[in-house]
Amino acid sequence: MFTRKAMNARSFPDLLGPLALLVLVGGWVLAIVAFFVVGTETCSTVTVPVVGVVEACQDTTPSAVILLTVIGFGATVGSLFLWALRHMLLALNQIEENTRSGR
């Protein structure tokens, strides 16, 4: 994909596009994994003196939905920042080229 060469200002924006895509996809994959890991129902049996044995369950799905939203939103915003940085650097390179050529 990329050859080993000296990194300069013109070659750096070429790396930001794939990096932004990696951050977006990787962040959402991690968000979905966290949703399934955290969003479970845990049950345990508890002995209550008057009633006897009771099964008490705790559902953590609301926490998992919030975690999914926060991680996914962070991945989306992070990839948008990288994408915007890529376009800003490309615009600065074009400005530099136009200034040097006298256009």
PDB file of N, CA and C in Angstrom:
ATOM      1  N   MET A   1       0.823  -1.188   0.000  1.00  0.00           N
ATOM      2  CA  MET A   1       0.000   0.000   0.000  1.00  0.00           C
ATOM      3  C   MET A   1       0.867   1.250   0.000  1.00  0.00           C
ATOM      4  N   PHE A   2       1.742   1.378   0.974  1.00  0.00           N
ATOM      5  CA  PHE A   2       2.652   2.510   1.024  1.00  0.00           C
ATOM      6  C   PHE A   2       4.077   1.983   1.007  1.00  0.00           C
ATOM      7  N   THR A   3       4.919   2.631   0.264  1.00  0.00           N
ATOM      8  CA  THR A   3       6.323   2.238   0.242  1.00  0.00           C
ATOM      9  C   THR A   3       7.071   3.011   1.306  1.00  0.00           C
ATOM     10  N   ARG A   4       8.190   2.464   1.694  1.00  0.00           N
ATOM     11  CA  ARG A   4       9.000   3.125   2.709  1.00  0.00           C
ATOM     12  C   ARG A   4       9.765   4.263   2.053  1.00  0.00           C
ATOM     13  N   LYS A   5       9.413   5.462   2.404  1.00  0.00           N
ATOM     14  CA  LYS A   5      10.070   6.657   1.873  1.00  0.00           C
ATOM     15  C   LYS A   5      10.007   7.748   2.927  1.00  0.00           C
ATOM     16  N   ALA A   6      10.637   8.823   2.632  1.00  0.00           N
ATOM     17  CA  ALA A   6      10.650   9.931   3.583  1.00  0.00           C
ATOM     18  C   ALA A   6       9.253  10.549   3.671  1.00  0.00           C
ATOM     19  N   MET A   7       8.813  10.806   4.893  1.00  0.00           N
ATOM     20  CA  MET A   7       7.503  11.404   5.107  1.00  0.00           C
ATOM     21  C   MET A   7       7.634  12.916   4.983  1.00  0.00           C
ATOM     22  N   ASN A   8       6.786  13.500   4.154  1.00  0.00           N
ATOM     23  CA  ASN A   8       6.778  14.955   4.031  1.00  0.00           C
ATOM     24  C   ASN A   8       5.347  15.454   4.163  1.00  0.00           C
ATOM     25  N   ALA A   9       5.164  16.747   4.009  1.00  0.00           N
ATOM     26  CA  ALA A   9       3.840  17.341   4.203  1.00  0.00           C
ATOM     27  C   ALA A   9       2.845  16.883   3.140  1.00  0.00           C
ATOM     28  N   ARG A  10       3.323  16.518   1.972  1.00  0.00           N
ATOM     29  CA  ARG A  10       2.404  16.086   0.925  1.00  0.00           C
ATOM     30  C   ARG A  10       1.977  14.624   1.076  1.00  0.00           C
ATOM     31  N   SER A  11       2.786  13.808   1.689  1.00  0.00           N
ATOM     32  CA  SER A  11       2.434  12.396   1.832  1.00  0.00           C
ATOM     33  C   SER A  11       1.649  12.108   3.113  1.00  0.00           C
ATOM     34  N   PHE A  12       1.685  13.004   4.073  1.00  0.00           N
ATOM     35  CA  PHE A  12       0.985  12.780   5.337  1.00  0.00           C
ATOM     36  C   PHE A  12      -0.532  12.719   5.179  1.00  0.00           C
ATOM     37  N   PRO A  13      -1.174  13.593   4.398  1.00  0.00           N
ATOM     38  CA  PRO A  13      -2.643  13.485   4.244  1.00  0.00           C
ATOM     39  C   PRO A  13      -3.096  12.168   3.623  1.00  0.00           C
ATOM     40  N   ASP A  14      -2.240  11.513   2.849  1.00  0.00           N
ATOM     41  CA  ASP A  14      -2.612  10.231   2.265  1.00  0.00           C
ATOM     42  C   ASP A  14      -2.815   9.156   3.333  1.00  0.00           C
ATOM     43  N   LEU A  15      -2.168   9.297   4.470  1.00  0.00           N
ATOM     44  CA  LEU A  15      -2.322   8.332   5.558  1.00  0.00           C
ATOM     45  C   LEU A  15      -3.560   8.612   6.418  1.00  0.00           C
ATOM     46  N   LEU A  16      -4.047   9.851   6.390  1.00  0.00           N
ATOM     47  CA  LEU A  16      -5.155  10.214   7.271  1.00  0.00           C
ATOM     48  C   LEU A  16      -6.492   9.642   6.817  1.00  0.00           C
ATOM     49  N   GLY A  17      -6.681   9.440   5.514  1.00  0.00           N
ATOM     50  CA  GLY A  17      -7.938   8.852   5.026  1.00  0.00           C
ATOM     51  C   GLY A  17      -8.146   7.441   5.542  1.00  0.00           C
ATOM     52  N   PRO A  18      -7.190   6.526   5.307  1.00  0.00           N
ATOM     53  CA  PRO A  18      -7.357   5.176   5.860  1.00  0.00           C
ATOM     54  C   PRO A  18      -7.399   5.150   7.389  1.00  0.00           C
ATOM     55  N   LEU A  19      -6.655   6.055   8.031  1.00  0.00           N
ATOM     56  CA  LEU A  19      -6.684   6.100   9.491  1.00  0.00           C
ATOM     57  C   LEU A  19      -8.064   6.515   9.999  1.00  0.00           C
ATOM     58  N   ALA A  20      -8.685   7.489   9.333  1.00  0.00           N
ATOM     59  CA  ALA A  20     -10.038   7.913   9.728  1.00  0.00           C
ATOM     60  C   ALA A  20     -11.040   6.772   9.557  1.00  0.00           C
ATOM     61  N   LEU A  21     -10.917   6.036   8.471  1.00  0.00           N
ATOM     62  CA  LEU A  21     -11.807   4.896   8.250  1.00  0.00           C
ATOM     63  C   LEU A  21     -11.580   3.810   9.304  1.00  0.00           C
ATOM     64  N   LEU A  22     -10.332   3.576   9.641  1.00  0.00           N
ATOM     65  CA  LEU A  22     -10.009   2.582  10.671  1.00  0.00           C
ATOM     66  C   LEU A  22     -10.570   2.985  12.030  1.00  0.00           C
ATOM     67  N   VAL A  23     -10.464   4.262  12.371  1.00  0.00           N
ATOM     68  CA  VAL A  23     -10.999   4.745  13.646  1.00  0.00           C
ATOM     69  C   VAL A  23     -12.516   4.606  13.668  1.00  0.00           C
ATOM     70  N   LEU A  24     -13.174   4.927  12.562  1.00  0.00           N
ATOM     71  CA  LEU A  24     -14.629   4.831  12.511  1.00  0.00           C
ATOM     72  C   LEU A  24     -15.107   3.385  12.647  1.00  0.00           C
ATOM     73  N   VAL A  25     -14.558   2.508  11.832  1.00  0.00           N
ATOM     74  CA  VAL A  25     -14.996   1.103  11.850  1.00  0.00           C
ATOM     75  C   VAL A  25     -14.571   0.425  13.153  1.00  0.00           C
ATOM     76  N   GLY A  26     -13.325   0.632  13.563  1.00  0.00           N
ATOM     77  CA  GLY A  26     -12.844   0.017  14.795  1.00  0.00           C
ATOM     78  C   GLY A  26     -13.594   0.492  16.019  1.00  0.00           C
ATOM     79  N   GLY A  27     -13.927   1.766  16.069  1.00  0.00           N
ATOM     80  CA  GLY A  27     -14.675   2.297  17.211  1.00  0.00           C
ATOM     81  C   GLY A  27     -16.069   1.711  17.308  1.00  0.00           C
ATOM     82  N   TRP A  28     -16.742   1.583  16.170  1.00  0.00           N
ATOM     83  CA  TRP A  28     -18.091   1.001  16.203  1.00  0.00           C
ATOM     84  C   TRP A  28     -18.048  -0.488  16.516  1.00  0.00           C
ATOM     85  N   VAL A  29     -17.024  -1.179  16.039  1.00  0.00           N
ATOM     86  CA  VAL A  29     -16.891  -2.599  16.387  1.00  0.00           C
ATOM     87  C   VAL A  29     -16.680  -2.747  17.897  1.00  0.00           C
ATOM     88  N   LEU A  30     -15.817  -1.915  18.462  1.00  0.00           N
ATOM     89  CA  LEU A  30     -15.607  -1.956  19.911  1.00  0.00           C
ATOM     90  C   LEU A  30     -16.871  -1.576  20.678  1.00  0.00           C
ATOM     91  N   ALA A  31     -17.644  -0.637  20.143  1.00  0.00           N
ATOM     92  CA  ALA A  31     -18.889  -0.247  20.799  1.00  0.00           C
ATOM     93  C   ALA A  31     -19.885  -1.400  20.809  1.00  0.00           C
ATOM     94  N   ILE A  32     -19.970  -2.127  19.707  1.00  0.00           N
ATOM     95  CA  ILE A  32     -20.900  -3.260  19.642  1.00  0.00           C
ATOM     96  C   ILE A  32     -20.440  -4.388  20.560  1.00  0.00           C
ATOM     97  N   VAL A  33     -19.138  -4.634  20.606  1.00  0.00           N
ATOM     98  CA  VAL A  33     -18.613  -5.656  21.525  1.00  0.00           C
ATOM     99  C   VAL A  33     -18.914  -5.263  22.969  1.00  0.00           C
ATOM    100  N   ALA A  34     -18.702  -3.990  23.311  1.00  0.00           N
ATOM    101  CA  ALA A  34     -18.987  -3.536  24.679  1.00  0.00           C
ATOM    102  C   ALA A  34     -20.470  -3.665  24.996  1.00  0.00           C
ATOM    103  N   PHE A  35     -21.332  -3.431  24.006  1.00  0.00           N
ATOM    104  CA  PHE A  35     -22.765  -3.575  24.222  1.00  0.00           C
ATOM    105  C   PHE A  35     -23.118  -5.006  24.612  1.00  0.00           C
ATOM    106  N   PHE A  36     -22.553  -5.974  23.898  1.00  0.00           N
ATOM    107  CA  PHE A  36     -22.872  -7.363  24.209  1.00  0.00           C
ATOM    108  C   PHE A  36     -22.211  -7.843  25.498  1.00  0.00           C
ATOM    109  N   VAL A  37     -21.045  -7.304  25.818  1.00  0.00           N
ATOM    110  CA  VAL A  37     -20.367  -7.718  27.045  1.00  0.00           C
ATOM    111  C   VAL A  37     -21.066  -7.145  28.274  1.00  0.00           C
ATOM    112  N   VAL A  38     -21.434  -5.870  28.199  1.00  0.00           N
ATOM    113  CA  VAL A  38     -22.040  -5.214  29.365  1.00  0.00           C
ATOM    114  C   VAL A  38     -23.538  -5.514  29.448  1.00  0.00           C
ATOM    115  N   GLY A  39     -24.213  -5.589  28.324  1.00  0.00           N
ATOM    116  CA  GLY A  39     -25.668  -5.729  28.310  1.00  0.00           C
ATOM    117  C   GLY A  39     -26.148  -7.135  28.563  1.00  0.00           C
ATOM    118  N   THR A  40     -25.948  -7.607  29.744  1.00  0.00           N
ATOM    119  CA  THR A  40     -26.404  -8.953  30.104  1.00  0.00           C
ATOM    120  C   THR A  40     -27.319  -8.871  31.316  1.00  0.00           C
ATOM    121  N   GLU A  41     -27.993  -9.954  31.533  1.00  0.00           N
ATOM    122  CA  GLU A  41     -28.837 -10.054  32.719  1.00  0.00           C
ATOM    123  C   GLU A  41     -28.186 -11.048  33.673  1.00  0.00           C
ATOM    124  N   THR A  42     -27.891 -10.596  34.859  1.00  0.00           N
ATOM    125  CA  THR A  42     -27.280 -11.479  35.845  1.00  0.00           C
ATOM    126  C   THR A  42     -28.313 -11.827  36.903  1.00  0.00           C
ATOM    127  N   CYS A  43     -28.379 -13.088  37.234  1.00  0.00           N
ATOM    128  CA  CYS A  43     -29.340 -13.561  38.235  1.00  0.00           C
ATOM    129  C   CYS A  43     -28.600 -14.309  39.344  1.00  0.00           C
ATOM    130  N   SER A  44     -29.105 -14.169  40.519  1.00  0.00           N
ATOM    131  CA  SER A  44     -28.550 -14.914  41.650  1.00  0.00           C
ATOM    132  C   SER A  44     -29.700 -15.285  42.580  1.00  0.00           C
ATOM    133  N   THR A  45     -29.505 -16.364  43.294  1.00  0.00           N
ATOM    134  CA  THR A  45     -30.529 -16.794  44.252  1.00  0.00           C
ATOM    135  C   THR A  45     -30.192 -16.254  45.629  1.00  0.00           C
ATOM    136  N   VAL A  46     -31.206 -15.707  46.253  1.00  0.00           N
ATOM    137  CA  VAL A  46     -31.048 -15.078  47.561  1.00  0.00           C
ATOM    138  C   VAL A  46     -32.042 -15.738  48.521  1.00  0.00           C
ATOM    139  N   THR A  47     -31.593 -16.018  49.702  1.00  0.00           N
ATOM    140  CA  THR A  47     -32.484 -16.586  50.717  1.00  0.00           C
ATOM    141  C   THR A  47     -33.025 -15.467  51.589  1.00  0.00           C
ATOM    142  N   VAL A  48     -34.334 -15.283  51.533  1.00  0.00           N
ATOM    143  CA  VAL A  48     -35.004 -14.270  52.337  1.00  0.00           C
ATOM    144  C   VAL A  48     -35.677 -15.011  53.498  1.00  0.00           C
ATOM    145  N   PRO A  49     -35.493 -14.540  54.730  1.00  0.00           N
ATOM    146  CA  PRO A  49     -36.003 -15.301  55.876  1.00  0.00           C
ATOM    147  C   PRO A  49     -37.507 -15.574  55.852  1.00  0.00           C
ATOM    148  N   VAL A  50     -38.320 -14.644  55.479  1.00  0.00           N
ATOM    149  CA  VAL A  50     -39.764 -14.824  55.531  1.00  0.00           C
ATOM    150  C   VAL A  50     -40.271 -15.585  54.307  1.00  0.00           C
ATOM    151  N   VAL A  51     -39.736 -15.273  53.135  1.00  0.00           N
ATOM    152  CA  VAL A  51     -40.239 -15.816  51.878  1.00  0.00           C
ATOM    153  C   VAL A  51     -39.564 -17.125  51.512  1.00  0.00           C
ATOM    154  N   GLY A  52     -38.285 -17.216  51.735  1.00  0.00           N
ATOM    155  CA  GLY A  52     -37.537 -18.390  51.320  1.00  0.00           C
ATOM    156  C   GLY A  52     -36.528 -18.020  50.247  1.00  0.00           C
ATOM    157  N   VAL A  53     -36.322 -18.908  49.281  1.00  0.00           N
ATOM    158  CA  VAL A  53     -35.346 -18.673  48.214  1.00  0.00           C
ATOM    159  C   VAL A  53     -36.002 -17.854  47.100  1.00  0.00           C
ATOM    160  N   VAL A  54     -35.350 -16.754  46.748  1.00  0.00           N
ATOM    161  CA  VAL A  54     -35.848 -15.856  45.694  1.00  0.00           C
ATOM    162  C   VAL A  54     -34.737 -15.672  44.676  1.00  0.00           C
ATOM    163  N   GLU A  55     -35.113 -15.666  43.408  1.00  0.00           N
ATOM    164  CA  GLU A  55     -34.126 -15.398  42.367  1.00  0.00           C
ATOM    165  C   GLU A  55     -34.179 -13.913  42.024  1.00  0.00           C
ATOM    166  N   ALA A  56     -33.071 -13.200  42.276  1.00  0.00           N
ATOM    167  CA  ALA A  56     -32.986 -11.766  42.019  1.00  0.00           C
ATOM    168  C   ALA A  56     -32.172 -11.537  40.746  1.00  0.00           C
ATOM    169  N   CYS A  57     -32.742 -10.801  39.795  1.00  0.00           N
ATOM    170  CA  CYS A  57     -32.067 -10.546  38.516  1.00  0.00           C
ATOM    171  C   CYS A  57     -31.832  -9.053  38.351  1.00  0.00           C
ATOM    172  N   GLN A  58     -30.698  -8.732  37.740  1.00  0.00           N
ATOM    173  CA  GLN A  58     -30.344  -7.343  37.459  1.00  0.00           C
ATOM    174  C   GLN A  58     -30.041  -7.222  35.975  1.00  0.00           C
ATOM    175  N   ASP A  59     -30.721  -6.307  35.308  1.00  0.00           N
ATOM    176  CA  ASP A  59     -30.543  -6.111  33.871  1.00  0.00           C
ATOM    177  C   ASP A  59     -29.655  -4.892  33.653  1.00  0.00           C
ATOM    178  N   THR A  60     -28.585  -5.059  32.895  1.00  0.00           N
ATOM    179  CA  THR A  60     -27.658  -3.950  32.635  1.00  0.00           C
ATOM    180  C   THR A  60     -27.777  -3.431  31.205  1.00  0.00           C
ATOM    181  N   THR A  61     -28.883  -3.710  30.527  1.00  0.00           N
ATOM    182  CA  THR A  61     -29.052  -3.262  29.142  1.00  0.00           C
ATOM    183  C   THR A  61     -29.057  -1.737  29.005  1.00  0.00           C
ATOM    184  N   PRO A  62     -29.710  -0.964  29.896  1.00  0.00           N
ATOM    185  CA  PRO A  62     -29.642   0.499  29.737  1.00  0.00           C
ATOM    186  C   PRO A  62     -28.206   1.042  29.779  1.00  0.00           C
ATOM    187  N   SER A  63     -27.385   0.500  30.649  1.00  0.00           N
ATOM    188  CA  SER A  63     -25.975   0.926  30.697  1.00  0.00           C
ATOM    189  C   SER A  63     -25.263   0.565  29.402  1.00  0.00           C
ATOM    190  N   ALA A  64     -25.595  -0.594  28.841  1.00  0.00           N
ATOM    191  CA  ALA A  64     -24.955  -1.019  27.598  1.00  0.00           C
ATOM    192  C   ALA A  64     -25.350  -0.116  26.434  1.00  0.00           C
ATOM    193  N   VAL A  65     -26.604   0.325  26.407  1.00  0.00           N
ATOM    194  CA  VAL A  65     -27.046   1.222  25.333  1.00  0.00           C
ATOM    195  C   VAL A  65     -26.329   2.564  25.439  1.00  0.00           C
ATOM    196  N   ILE A  66     -26.183   3.073  26.638  1.00  0.00           N
ATOM    197  CA  ILE A  66     -25.462   4.339  26.827  1.00  0.00           C
ATOM    198  C   ILE A  66     -24.004   4.177  26.419  1.00  0.00           C
ATOM    199  N   LEU A  67     -23.388   3.073  26.800  1.00  0.00           N
ATOM    200  CA  LEU A  67     -21.995   2.809  26.437  1.00  0.00           C
ATOM    201  C   LEU A  67     -21.837   2.694  24.926  1.00  0.00           C
ATOM    202  N   LEU A  68     -22.762   2.003  24.265  1.00  0.00           N
ATOM    203  CA  LEU A  68     -22.741   1.887  22.806  1.00  0.00           C
ATOM    204  C   LEU A  68     -22.816   3.257  22.153  1.00  0.00           C
ATOM    205  N   THR A  69     -23.703   4.099  22.635  1.00  0.00           N
ATOM    206  CA  THR A  69     -23.880   5.435  22.064  1.00  0.00           C
ATOM    207  C   THR A  69     -22.638   6.297  22.270  1.00  0.00           C
ATOM    208  N   VAL A  70     -22.080   6.269  23.456  1.00  0.00           N
ATOM    209  CA  VAL A  70     -20.921   7.121  23.761  1.00  0.00           C
ATOM    210  C   VAL A  70     -19.694   6.690  22.960  1.00  0.00           C
ATOM    211  N   ILE A  71     -19.404   5.387  22.926  1.00  0.00           N
ATOM    212  CA  ILE A  71     -18.231   4.908  22.189  1.00  0.00           C
ATOM    213  C   ILE A  71     -18.412   5.128  20.689  1.00  0.00           C
ATOM    214  N   GLY A  72     -19.609   4.842  20.167  1.00  0.00           N
ATOM    215  CA  GLY A  72     -19.866   5.060  18.744  1.00  0.00           C
ATOM    216  C   GLY A  72     -19.778   6.523  18.356  1.00  0.00           C
ATOM    217  N   PHE A  73     -20.322   7.410  19.194  1.00  0.00           N
ATOM    218  CA  PHE A  73     -20.245   8.835  18.924  1.00  0.00           C
ATOM    219  C   PHE A  73     -18.794   9.319  18.968  1.00  0.00           C
ATOM    220  N   GLY A  74     -18.019   8.817  19.928  1.00  0.00           N
ATOM    221  CA  GLY A  74     -16.599   9.195  20.001  1.00  0.00           C
ATOM    222  C   GLY A  74     -15.833   8.742  18.779  1.00  0.00           C
ATOM    223  N   ALA A  75     -16.128   7.542  18.287  1.00  0.00           N
ATOM    224  CA  ALA A  75     -15.464   7.043  17.080  1.00  0.00           C
ATOM    225  C   ALA A  75     -15.839   7.878  15.863  1.00  0.00           C
ATOM    226  N   THR A  76     -17.109   8.261  15.768  1.00  0.00           N
ATOM    227  CA  THR A  76     -17.563   9.059  14.637  1.00  0.00           C
ATOM    228  C   THR A  76     -16.927  10.445  14.649  1.00  0.00           C
ATOM    229  N   VAL A  77     -16.925  11.087  15.798  1.00  0.00           N
ATOM    230  CA  VAL A  77     -16.329  12.426  15.900  1.00  0.00           C
ATOM    231  C   VAL A  77     -14.824  12.368  15.646  1.00  0.00           C
ATOM    232  N   GLY A  78     -14.155  11.353  16.190  1.00  0.00           N
ATOM    233  CA  GLY A  78     -12.713  11.218  15.968  1.00  0.00           C
ATOM    234  C   GLY A  78     -12.376  11.023  14.499  1.00  0.00           C
ATOM    235  N   SER A  79     -13.161  10.204  13.803  1.00  0.00           N
ATOM    236  CA  SER A  79     -12.886   9.987  12.379  1.00  0.00           C
ATOM    237  C   SER A  79     -13.200  11.241  11.565  1.00  0.00           C
ATOM    238  N   LEU A  80     -14.221  11.990  11.962  1.00  0.00           N
ATOM    239  CA  LEU A  80     -14.518  13.240  11.254  1.00  0.00           C
ATOM    240  C   LEU A  80     -13.399  14.262  11.447  1.00  0.00           C
ATOM    241  N   PHE A  81     -12.811  14.319  12.639  1.00  0.00           N
ATOM    242  CA  PHE A  81     -11.680  15.220  12.863  1.00  0.00           C
ATOM    243  C   PHE A  81     -10.488  14.833  11.982  1.00  0.00           C
ATOM    244  N   LEU A  82     -10.203  13.547  11.879  1.00  0.00           N
ATOM    245  CA  LEU A  82      -9.101  13.101  11.019  1.00  0.00           C
ATOM    246  C   LEU A  82      -9.381  13.405   9.546  1.00  0.00           C
ATOM    247  N   TRP A  83     -10.625  13.196   9.134  1.00  0.00           N
ATOM    248  CA  TRP A  83     -11.014  13.488   7.749  1.00  0.00           C
ATOM    249  C   TRP A  83     -10.889  14.984   7.463  1.00  0.00           C
ATOM    250  N   ALA A  84     -11.319  15.821   8.412  1.00  0.00           N
ATOM    251  CA  ALA A  84     -11.210  17.270   8.241  1.00  0.00           C
ATOM    252  C   ALA A  84      -9.744  17.707   8.223  1.00  0.00           C
ATOM    253  N   LEU A  85      -8.916  17.108   9.061  1.00  0.00           N
ATOM    254  CA  LEU A  85      -7.488  17.428   9.068  1.00  0.00           C
ATOM    255  C   LEU A  85      -6.854  17.070   7.729  1.00  0.00           C
ATOM    256  N   ARG A  86      -7.259  15.943   7.170  1.00  0.00           N
ATOM    257  CA  ARG A  86      -6.740  15.526   5.856  1.00  0.00           C
ATOM    258  C   ARG A  86      -7.063  16.587   4.798  1.00  0.00           C
ATOM    259  N   HIS A  87      -8.313  17.047   4.785  1.00  0.00           N
ATOM    260  CA  HIS A  87      -8.706  18.034   3.776  1.00  0.00           C
ATOM    261  C   HIS A  87      -8.068  19.397   4.022  1.00  0.00           C
ATOM    262  N   MET A  88      -7.857  19.748   5.269  1.00  0.00           N
ATOM    263  CA  MET A  88      -7.157  21.010   5.558  1.00  0.00           C
ATOM    264  C   MET A  88      -5.713  20.954   5.076  1.00  0.00           C
ATOM    265  N   LEU A  89      -5.041  19.828   5.315  1.00  0.00           N
ATOM    266  CA  LEU A  89      -3.655  19.702   4.853  1.00  0.00           C
ATOM    267  C   LEU A  89      -3.571  19.697   3.335  1.00  0.00           C
ATOM    268  N   LEU A  90      -4.520  19.052   2.663  1.00  0.00           N
ATOM    269  CA  LEU A  90      -4.537  19.082   1.200  1.00  0.00           C
ATOM    270  C   LEU A  90      -4.772  20.496   0.680  1.00  0.00           C
ATOM    271  N   ALA A  91      -5.661  21.240   1.336  1.00  0.00           N
ATOM    272  CA  ALA A  91      -5.904  22.621   0.927  1.00  0.00           C
ATOM    273  C   ALA A  91      -4.662  23.486   1.147  1.00  0.00           C
ATOM    274  N   LEU A  92      -3.963  23.290   2.259  1.00  0.00           N
ATOM    275  CA  LEU A  92      -2.736  24.046   2.505  1.00  0.00           C
ATOM    276  C   LEU A  92      -1.656  23.705   1.487  1.00  0.00           C
ATOM    277  N   ASN A  93      -1.582  22.440   1.087  1.00  0.00           N
ATOM    278  CA  ASN A  93      -0.616  22.063   0.042  1.00  0.00           C
ATOM    279  C   ASN A  93      -0.940  22.729  -1.282  1.00  0.00           C
ATOM    280  N   GLN A  94      -2.219  22.809  -1.630  1.00  0.00           N
ATOM    281  CA  GLN A  94      -2.597  23.472  -2.877  1.00  0.00           C
ATOM    282  C   GLN A  94      -2.321  24.964  -2.817  1.00  0.00           C
ATOM    283  N   ILE A  95      -2.552  25.584  -1.655  1.00  0.00           N
ATOM    284  CA  ILE A  95      -2.243  27.001  -1.491  1.00  0.00           C
ATOM    285  C   ILE A  95      -0.749  27.234  -1.660  1.00  0.00           C
ATOM    286  N   GLU A  96       0.057  26.347  -1.061  1.00  0.00           N
ATOM    287  CA  GLU A  96       1.516  26.479  -1.195  1.00  0.00           C
ATOM    288  C   GLU A  96       1.952  26.331  -2.655  1.00  0.00           C
ATOM    289  N   GLU A  97       1.387  25.351  -3.355  1.00  0.00           N
ATOM    290  CA  GLU A  97       1.751  25.155  -4.765  1.00  0.00           C
ATOM    291  C   GLU A  97       1.352  26.350  -5.606  1.00  0.00           C
ATOM    292  N   ASN A  98       0.170  26.893  -5.377  1.00  0.00           N
ATOM    293  CA  ASN A  98      -0.274  28.061  -6.143  1.00  0.00           C
ATOM    294  C   ASN A  98       0.576  29.291  -5.829  1.00  0.00           C
ATOM    295  N   THR A  99       1.011  29.419  -4.570  1.00  0.00           N
ATOM    296  CA  THR A  99       1.833  30.569  -4.190  1.00  0.00           C
ATOM    297  C   THR A  99       3.217  30.466  -4.829  1.00  0.00           C
ATOM    298  N   ARG A 100       3.782  29.275  -4.845  1.00  0.00           N
ATOM    299  CA  ARG A 100       5.107  29.100  -5.438  1.00  0.00           C
ATOM    300  C   ARG A 100       5.082  29.276  -6.939  1.00  0.00           C
ATOM    301  N   SER A 101       3.991  28.857  -7.594  1.00  0.00           N
ATOM    302  CA  SER A 101       3.937  28.974  -9.052  1.00  0.00           C
ATOM    303  C   SER A 101       3.501  30.368  -9.496  1.00  0.00           C
ATOM    304  N   GLY A 102       3.040  31.188  -8.593  1.00  0.00           N
ATOM    305  CA  GLY A 102       2.686  32.567  -8.918  1.00  0.00           C
ATOM    306  C   GLY A 102       1.290  32.705  -9.515  1.00  0.00           C
ATOM    307  N   ARG A 103       0.442  31.722  -9.309  1.00  0.00           N
ATOM    308  CA  ARG A 103      -0.932  31.823  -9.834  1.00  0.00           C
ATOM    309  C   ARG A 103      -1.811  32.659  -8.968  1.00  0.00           C
TER     310      ARG A 103
END
